[in-house]
Amino acid sequence: MGKPFNFILISRSGGGKGTQAEFIKKEFSNLYHFSTGDLFRDLQEQDTDTGYRIREILNKGGLPFDFLAITLWMHKIAYNLKRDQGLLADGFPRRLNEAKILDEFLDFLERKENMKVIYIDISEKEAFGRLTKRRICKKCKKLVPYVLPYKNWEKCEECGGELEQRSDDKPEAIQGRMDYFRERVLEILDYYREQGRLIEINGEQSIEDVWRDIKKAIEK
């Protein structure tokens, strides 16, 4: 049986990975989707020593040490990804060694050749503006980006909940994420680009136009 398509979504924070992941899931219905950001946000809520340390790091805009992230996503894939499912990796890998280990794992699963690496490119200025203005629903936890039509929402139009700023979207934490992306994540893009595997998308278009370009690139 042939393996399904698999996707890696990479962008600066605020680049629209989560929004475009929803389009991809509608286009390719049998996908196992998860985000390492969600994994860490769940972990920081735990009453453990690790949870406490993760809260400290995320509130400053940093990322925990390499192998904790690798352990979390490898465990998720190993225990949840079915043979007939595609993988949708939202926001990882975030370090060069993660990218190389993920490639080895995908080789083991015989999925590497079917992997599409999509980089949604927005500038630091655009990312900073989006992140300081985006909100999250206190009730259903839907992330509400600062783009049309969502920027006009006064409350969550899916559940009616109150909207608030996410705790890690303070300016100093955002700047930390921007710095980290520049120092560590850009080399991952070079890694995939040199292999001819990187699909680069202009993320400063409308949501619909970003999806149009992603879909066009996938179908090539």
C-alpha atoms as a PDB file:
ATOM      1  CA  MET A   1       0.000   0.000   0.000  1.00  0.00           C
ATOM      2  CA  GLY A   2       1.379   3.413  -0.970  1.00  0.00           C
ATOM      3  CA  LYS A   3       1.921   5.977   1.766  1.00  0.00           C
ATOM      4  CA  PRO A   4      -0.259   9.134   1.823  1.00  0.00           C
ATOM      5  CA  PHE A   5       1.010  12.677   1.487  1.00  0.00           C
ATOM      6  CA  ASN A   6       2.584  14.237   4.576  1.00  0.00           C
ATOM      7  CA  PHE A   7       3.075  17.930   5.312  1.00  0.00           C
ATOM      8  CA  ILE A   8       5.398  20.124   7.369  1.00  0.00           C
ATOM      9  CA  LEU A   9       4.225  23.713   7.932  1.00  0.00           C
ATOM     10  CA  ILE A  10       6.865  26.257   8.943  1.00  0.00           C
ATOM     11  CA  SER A  11       6.539  30.005   9.472  1.00  0.00           C
ATOM     12  CA  ARG A  12       7.270  32.746  11.936  1.00  0.00           C
ATOM     13  CA  SER A  13       4.768  32.958  14.775  1.00  0.00           C
ATOM     14  CA  GLY A  14       1.658  34.641  13.406  1.00  0.00           C
ATOM     15  CA  GLY A  15       2.318  33.364   9.891  1.00  0.00           C
ATOM     16  CA  GLY A  16      -0.995  31.537   9.616  1.00  0.00           C
ATOM     17  CA  LYS A  17       0.155  27.917   9.980  1.00  0.00           C
ATOM     18  CA  GLY A  18      -2.932  26.911  11.944  1.00  0.00           C
ATOM     19  CA  THR A  19      -5.312  28.566   9.491  1.00  0.00           C
ATOM     20  CA  GLN A  20      -3.695  26.918   6.472  1.00  0.00           C
ATOM     21  CA  ALA A  21      -3.573  23.576   8.304  1.00  0.00           C
ATOM     22  CA  GLU A  22      -7.376  23.678   8.379  1.00  0.00           C
ATOM     23  CA  PHE A  23      -7.495  24.112   4.588  1.00  0.00           C
ATOM     24  CA  ILE A  24      -5.075  21.221   4.107  1.00  0.00           C
ATOM     25  CA  LYS A  25      -7.170  18.976   6.379  1.00  0.00           C
ATOM     26  CA  LYS A  26     -10.272  19.721   4.318  1.00  0.00           C
ATOM     27  CA  GLU A  27      -8.410  18.940   1.078  1.00  0.00           C
ATOM     28  CA  PHE A  28      -6.767  15.770   2.434  1.00  0.00           C
ATOM     29  CA  SER A  29      -9.345  14.316   4.802  1.00  0.00           C
ATOM     30  CA  ASN A  30      -7.342  11.529   6.452  1.00  0.00           C
ATOM     31  CA  LEU A  31      -4.578  13.470   8.214  1.00  0.00           C
ATOM     32  CA  TYR A  32      -3.146  13.247  11.719  1.00  0.00           C
ATOM     33  CA  HIS A  33      -2.554  16.892  12.679  1.00  0.00           C
ATOM     34  CA  PHE A  34      -0.749  18.191  15.712  1.00  0.00           C
ATOM     35  CA  SER A  35       1.299  21.187  16.790  1.00  0.00           C
ATOM     36  CA  THR A  36       4.295  21.144  19.107  1.00  0.00           C
ATOM     37  CA  GLY A  37       3.161  24.562  20.326  1.00  0.00           C
ATOM     38  CA  ASP A  38      -0.068  22.946  21.526  1.00  0.00           C
ATOM     39  CA  LEU A  39       1.913  20.108  23.123  1.00  0.00           C
ATOM     40  CA  PHE A  40       4.045  22.568  25.096  1.00  0.00           C
ATOM     41  CA  ARG A  41       1.055  24.710  26.067  1.00  0.00           C
ATOM     42  CA  ASP A  42      -0.620  21.580  27.433  1.00  0.00           C
ATOM     43  CA  LEU A  43       2.572  20.557  29.222  1.00  0.00           C
ATOM     44  CA  GLN A  44       2.910  23.948  30.922  1.00  0.00           C
ATOM     45  CA  GLU A  45      -0.512  23.468  32.520  1.00  0.00           C
ATOM     46  CA  GLN A  46       0.674  20.333  34.332  1.00  0.00           C
ATOM     47  CA  ASP A  47       1.552  20.581  38.018  1.00  0.00           C
ATOM     48  CA  THR A  48       5.037  19.160  37.531  1.00  0.00           C
ATOM     49  CA  ASP A  49       8.591  20.438  37.674  1.00  0.00           C
ATOM     50  CA  THR A  50       8.746  20.271  33.874  1.00  0.00           C
ATOM     51  CA  GLY A  51       5.428  22.127  33.555  1.00  0.00           C
ATOM     52  CA  TYR A  52       6.728  24.924  35.796  1.00  0.00           C
ATOM     53  CA  ARG A  53       9.938  25.263  33.781  1.00  0.00           C
ATOM     54  CA  ILE A  54       8.063  25.240  30.462  1.00  0.00           C
ATOM     55  CA  ARG A  55       5.837  28.104  31.696  1.00  0.00           C
ATOM     56  CA  GLU A  56       8.922  30.165  32.506  1.00  0.00           C
ATOM     57  CA  ILE A  57      10.488  29.563  29.105  1.00  0.00           C
ATOM     58  CA  LEU A  58       7.373  30.081  26.960  1.00  0.00           C
ATOM     59  CA  ASN A  59       6.428  33.313  28.732  1.00  0.00           C
ATOM     60  CA  LYS A  60       9.834  34.691  27.723  1.00  0.00           C
ATOM     61  CA  GLY A  61       9.352  33.599  24.093  1.00  0.00           C
ATOM     62  CA  GLY A  62      11.941  30.816  24.259  1.00  0.00           C
ATOM     63  CA  LEU A  63      11.827  27.138  23.386  1.00  0.00           C
ATOM     64  CA  PRO A  64      12.679  24.236  25.704  1.00  0.00           C
ATOM     65  CA  PHE A  65      15.782  22.158  25.118  1.00  0.00           C
ATOM     66  CA  ASP A  66      15.948  20.203  21.876  1.00  0.00           C
ATOM     67  CA  PHE A  67      15.250  16.650  22.928  1.00  0.00           C
ATOM     68  CA  LEU A  68      12.131  17.451  24.933  1.00  0.00           C
ATOM     69  CA  ALA A  69      10.427  18.654  21.749  1.00  0.00           C
ATOM     70  CA  ILE A  70      11.728  15.632  19.836  1.00  0.00           C
ATOM     71  CA  THR A  71      10.472  13.274  22.548  1.00  0.00           C
ATOM     72  CA  LEU A  72       7.007  14.844  22.518  1.00  0.00           C
ATOM     73  CA  TRP A  73       6.404  14.766  18.769  1.00  0.00           C
ATOM     74  CA  MET A  74       8.041  11.377  18.220  1.00  0.00           C
ATOM     75  CA  HIS A  75       5.845   9.893  20.964  1.00  0.00           C
ATOM     76  CA  LYS A  76       2.748  11.460  19.366  1.00  0.00           C
ATOM     77  CA  ILE A  77       3.589  10.090  15.922  1.00  0.00           C
ATOM     78  CA  ALA A  78       4.583   6.631  17.138  1.00  0.00           C
ATOM     79  CA  TYR A  79       1.429   6.124  19.223  1.00  0.00           C
ATOM     80  CA  ASN A  80      -1.184   7.833  17.033  1.00  0.00           C
ATOM     81  CA  LEU A  81      -0.298   7.929  13.312  1.00  0.00           C
ATOM     82  CA  LYS A  82      -2.124   5.157  11.433  1.00  0.00           C
ATOM     83  CA  ARG A  83      -0.604   3.539   8.355  1.00  0.00           C
ATOM     84  CA  ASP A  84      -3.257   4.977   6.022  1.00  0.00           C
ATOM     85  CA  GLN A  85      -3.076   8.499   7.521  1.00  0.00           C
ATOM     86  CA  GLY A  86      -1.044  11.428   6.323  1.00  0.00           C
ATOM     87  CA  LEU A  87       0.965  13.469   8.828  1.00  0.00           C
ATOM     88  CA  LEU A  88       0.421  17.223   9.227  1.00  0.00           C
ATOM     89  CA  ALA A  89       3.211  18.702  11.352  1.00  0.00           C
ATOM     90  CA  ASP A  90       2.308  22.229  12.407  1.00  0.00           C
ATOM     91  CA  GLY A  91       5.281  24.326  13.531  1.00  0.00           C
ATOM     92  CA  PHE A  92       8.024  21.736  13.763  1.00  0.00           C
ATOM     93  CA  PRO A  93      10.848  21.007  13.258  1.00  0.00           C
ATOM     94  CA  ARG A  94      12.215  24.201  14.822  1.00  0.00           C
ATOM     95  CA  ARG A  95      15.901  23.293  14.995  1.00  0.00           C
ATOM     96  CA  LEU A  96      18.302  21.779  12.475  1.00  0.00           C
ATOM     97  CA  ASN A  97      18.921  18.646  14.531  1.00  0.00           C
ATOM     98  CA  GLU A  98      15.134  18.169  14.806  1.00  0.00           C
ATOM     99  CA  ALA A  99      14.839  18.349  11.017  1.00  0.00           C
ATOM    100  CA  LYS A 100      17.536  15.714  10.563  1.00  0.00           C
ATOM    101  CA  ILE A 101      16.038  13.395  13.201  1.00  0.00           C
ATOM    102  CA  LEU A 102      12.571  13.841  11.693  1.00  0.00           C
ATOM    103  CA  ASP A 103      13.998  12.861   8.295  1.00  0.00           C
ATOM    104  CA  GLU A 104      15.489   9.709   9.827  1.00  0.00           C
ATOM    105  CA  PHE A 105      12.177   8.871  11.492  1.00  0.00           C
ATOM    106  CA  LEU A 106      10.269   9.447   8.244  1.00  0.00           C
ATOM    107  CA  ASP A 107      12.780   7.228   6.449  1.00  0.00           C
ATOM    108  CA  PHE A 108      12.070   4.530   9.042  1.00  0.00           C
ATOM    109  CA  LEU A 109       8.328   4.931   8.335  1.00  0.00           C
ATOM    110  CA  GLU A 110       8.994   5.035   4.557  1.00  0.00           C
ATOM    111  CA  ARG A 111       7.340   8.455   4.361  1.00  0.00           C
ATOM    112  CA  LYS A 112      10.194  10.829   3.562  1.00  0.00           C
ATOM    113  CA  GLU A 113       9.624  10.886  -0.203  1.00  0.00           C
ATOM    114  CA  ASN A 114       5.970  11.844   0.265  1.00  0.00           C
ATOM    115  CA  MET A 115       6.692  14.812   2.553  1.00  0.00           C
ATOM    116  CA  LYS A 116       5.836  18.360   1.427  1.00  0.00           C
ATOM    117  CA  VAL A 117       7.714  21.101   3.340  1.00  0.00           C
ATOM    118  CA  ILE A 118       5.751  24.385   3.161  1.00  0.00           C
ATOM    119  CA  TYR A 119       7.253  27.667   4.381  1.00  0.00           C
ATOM    120  CA  ILE A 120       4.731  30.502   4.809  1.00  0.00           C
ATOM    121  CA  ASP A 121       6.917  33.596   4.673  1.00  0.00           C
ATOM    122  CA  ILE A 122       6.028  36.812   6.490  1.00  0.00           C
ATOM    123  CA  SER A 123       8.357  39.569   7.658  1.00  0.00           C
ATOM    124  CA  GLU A 124       9.238  40.141  11.315  1.00  0.00           C
ATOM    125  CA  LYS A 125       7.349  43.436  11.197  1.00  0.00           C
ATOM    126  CA  GLU A 126       4.206  41.754   9.883  1.00  0.00           C
ATOM    127  CA  ALA A 127       4.511  38.924  12.398  1.00  0.00           C
ATOM    128  CA  PHE A 128       4.943  41.310  15.330  1.00  0.00           C
ATOM    129  CA  GLY A 129       1.896  43.317  14.278  1.00  0.00           C
ATOM    130  CA  ARG A 130      -0.286  40.224  13.957  1.00  0.00           C
ATOM    131  CA  LEU A 131       0.806  38.695  17.254  1.00  0.00           C
ATOM    132  CA  THR A 132       0.249  41.798  19.360  1.00  0.00           C
ATOM    133  CA  LYS A 133      -3.296  42.067  18.000  1.00  0.00           C
ATOM    134  CA  ARG A 134      -4.464  38.448  17.734  1.00  0.00           C
ATOM    135  CA  ARG A 135      -6.745  37.048  20.418  1.00  0.00           C
ATOM    136  CA  ILE A 136      -7.922  33.737  21.845  1.00  0.00           C
ATOM    137  CA  CYS A 137     -11.405  32.705  22.946  1.00  0.00           C
ATOM    138  CA  LYS A 138     -11.557  32.186  26.720  1.00  0.00           C
ATOM    139  CA  LYS A 139     -14.286  29.563  26.282  1.00  0.00           C
ATOM    140  CA  CYS A 140     -13.413  27.320  23.290  1.00  0.00           C
ATOM    141  CA  LYS A 141      -9.712  28.365  22.981  1.00  0.00           C
ATOM    142  CA  LYS A 142     -10.050  29.203  19.282  1.00  0.00           C
ATOM    143  CA  LEU A 143      -7.113  31.363  18.159  1.00  0.00           C
ATOM    144  CA  VAL A 144      -8.454  34.437  16.382  1.00  0.00           C
ATOM    145  CA  PRO A 145      -5.860  35.931  13.985  1.00  0.00           C
ATOM    146  CA  TYR A 146      -5.698  39.629  13.189  1.00  0.00           C
ATOM    147  CA  VAL A 147      -6.702  39.247   9.552  1.00  0.00           C
ATOM    148  CA  LEU A 148     -10.019  39.645   7.775  1.00  0.00           C
ATOM    149  CA  PRO A 149     -12.673  38.538   8.549  1.00  0.00           C
ATOM    150  CA  TYR A 150     -11.511  37.732  12.098  1.00  0.00           C
ATOM    151  CA  LYS A 151     -10.185  41.202  12.977  1.00  0.00           C
ATOM    152  CA  ASN A 152     -13.778  42.462  13.107  1.00  0.00           C
ATOM    153  CA  TRP A 153     -14.864  39.904  15.709  1.00  0.00           C
ATOM    154  CA  GLU A 154     -15.913  41.487  19.010  1.00  0.00           C
ATOM    155  CA  LYS A 155     -16.541  38.022  20.503  1.00  0.00           C
ATOM    156  CA  CYS A 156     -15.987  34.446  19.314  1.00  0.00           C
ATOM    157  CA  GLU A 157     -18.500  33.884  16.516  1.00  0.00           C
ATOM    158  CA  GLU A 158     -18.259  30.111  16.943  1.00  0.00           C
ATOM    159  CA  CYS A 159     -19.200  29.806  20.639  1.00  0.00           C
ATOM    160  CA  GLY A 160     -19.912  33.386  21.775  1.00  0.00           C
ATOM    161  CA  GLY A 161     -16.990  33.418  24.217  1.00  0.00           C
ATOM    162  CA  GLU A 162     -15.027  36.464  25.340  1.00  0.00           C
ATOM    163  CA  LEU A 163     -11.798  37.208  23.455  1.00  0.00           C
ATOM    164  CA  GLU A 164      -8.517  37.987  25.208  1.00  0.00           C
ATOM    165  CA  GLN A 165      -4.812  38.272  24.433  1.00  0.00           C
ATOM    166  CA  ARG A 166      -2.864  35.009  24.693  1.00  0.00           C
ATOM    167  CA  SER A 167      -0.513  34.941  27.687  1.00  0.00           C
ATOM    168  CA  ASP A 168       2.600  34.426  25.535  1.00  0.00           C
ATOM    169  CA  ASP A 169       1.726  37.244  23.096  1.00  0.00           C
ATOM    170  CA  LYS A 170       3.310  40.004  25.183  1.00  0.00           C
ATOM    171  CA  PRO A 171       5.871  42.147  23.244  1.00  0.00           C
ATOM    172  CA  GLU A 172       8.953  40.784  25.049  1.00  0.00           C
ATOM    173  CA  ALA A 173       7.870  37.175  24.479  1.00  0.00           C
ATOM    174  CA  ILE A 174       7.082  37.878  20.816  1.00  0.00           C
ATOM    175  CA  GLN A 175      10.509  39.437  20.317  1.00  0.00           C
ATOM    176  CA  GLY A 176      12.071  36.344  21.848  1.00  0.00           C
ATOM    177  CA  ARG A 177      10.290  34.153  19.293  1.00  0.00           C
ATOM    178  CA  MET A 178      11.355  36.426  16.448  1.00  0.00           C
ATOM    179  CA  ASP A 179      14.983  36.268  17.584  1.00  0.00           C
ATOM    180  CA  TYR A 180      14.843  32.497  17.915  1.00  0.00           C
ATOM    181  CA  PHE A 181      13.398  32.083  14.423  1.00  0.00           C
ATOM    182  CA  ARG A 182      16.169  34.214  12.952  1.00  0.00           C
ATOM    183  CA  GLU A 183      18.940  32.447  14.842  1.00  0.00           C
ATOM    184  CA  ARG A 184      17.776  28.822  14.627  1.00  0.00           C
ATOM    185  CA  VAL A 185      14.879  28.194  12.248  1.00  0.00           C
ATOM    186  CA  LEU A 186      16.279  29.936   9.165  1.00  0.00           C
ATOM    187  CA  GLU A 187      18.980  27.269   8.899  1.00  0.00           C
ATOM    188  CA  ILE A 188      16.260  24.620   8.640  1.00  0.00           C
ATOM    189  CA  LEU A 189      14.899  26.434   5.597  1.00  0.00           C
ATOM    190  CA  ASP A 190      18.371  26.323   4.034  1.00  0.00           C
ATOM    191  CA  TYR A 191      18.557  22.586   4.815  1.00  0.00           C
ATOM    192  CA  TYR A 192      15.303  21.846   2.964  1.00  0.00           C
ATOM    193  CA  ARG A 193      16.039  24.390   0.218  1.00  0.00           C
ATOM    194  CA  GLU A 194      19.380  22.782  -0.609  1.00  0.00           C
ATOM    195  CA  GLN A 195      17.561  19.452  -0.992  1.00  0.00           C
ATOM    196  CA  GLY A 196      15.037  21.012  -3.365  1.00  0.00           C
ATOM    197  CA  ARG A 197      12.207  20.149  -0.971  1.00  0.00           C
ATOM    198  CA  LEU A 198      11.130  23.614   0.231  1.00  0.00           C
ATOM    199  CA  ILE A 199       7.881  25.153  -1.028  1.00  0.00           C
ATOM    200  CA  GLU A 200       8.002  28.916  -0.346  1.00  0.00           C
ATOM    201  CA  ILE A 201       4.711  30.815  -0.070  1.00  0.00           C
ATOM    202  CA  ASN A 202       4.092  34.552   0.361  1.00  0.00           C
ATOM    203  CA  GLY A 203       2.184  34.670   3.649  1.00  0.00           C
ATOM    204  CA  GLU A 204       1.357  38.389   3.487  1.00  0.00           C
ATOM    205  CA  GLN A 205      -1.491  37.799   1.042  1.00  0.00           C
ATOM    206  CA  SER A 206      -5.100  37.147   1.980  1.00  0.00           C
ATOM    207  CA  ILE A 207      -5.848  33.804   3.645  1.00  0.00           C
ATOM    208  CA  GLU A 208      -7.541  32.613   0.450  1.00  0.00           C
ATOM    209  CA  ASP A 209      -4.597  33.588  -1.765  1.00  0.00           C
ATOM    210  CA  VAL A 210      -2.107  31.873   0.537  1.00  0.00           C
ATOM    211  CA  TRP A 211      -4.167  28.674   0.302  1.00  0.00           C
ATOM    212  CA  ARG A 212      -4.450  29.037  -3.480  1.00  0.00           C
ATOM    213  CA  ASP A 213      -0.648  29.154  -3.787  1.00  0.00           C
ATOM    214  CA  ILE A 214      -0.160  26.230  -1.370  1.00  0.00           C
ATOM    215  CA  LYS A 215      -2.676  24.086  -3.244  1.00  0.00           C
ATOM    216  CA  LYS A 216      -1.085  24.936  -6.582  1.00  0.00           C
ATOM    217  CA  ALA A 217       2.368  23.984  -5.268  1.00  0.00           C
ATOM    218  CA  ILE A 218       1.100  20.702  -3.767  1.00  0.00           C
ATOM    219  CA  GLU A 219      -0.536  19.674  -7.015  1.00  0.00           C
ATOM    220  CA  LYS A 220       2.622  20.125  -9.113  1.00  0.00           C
END
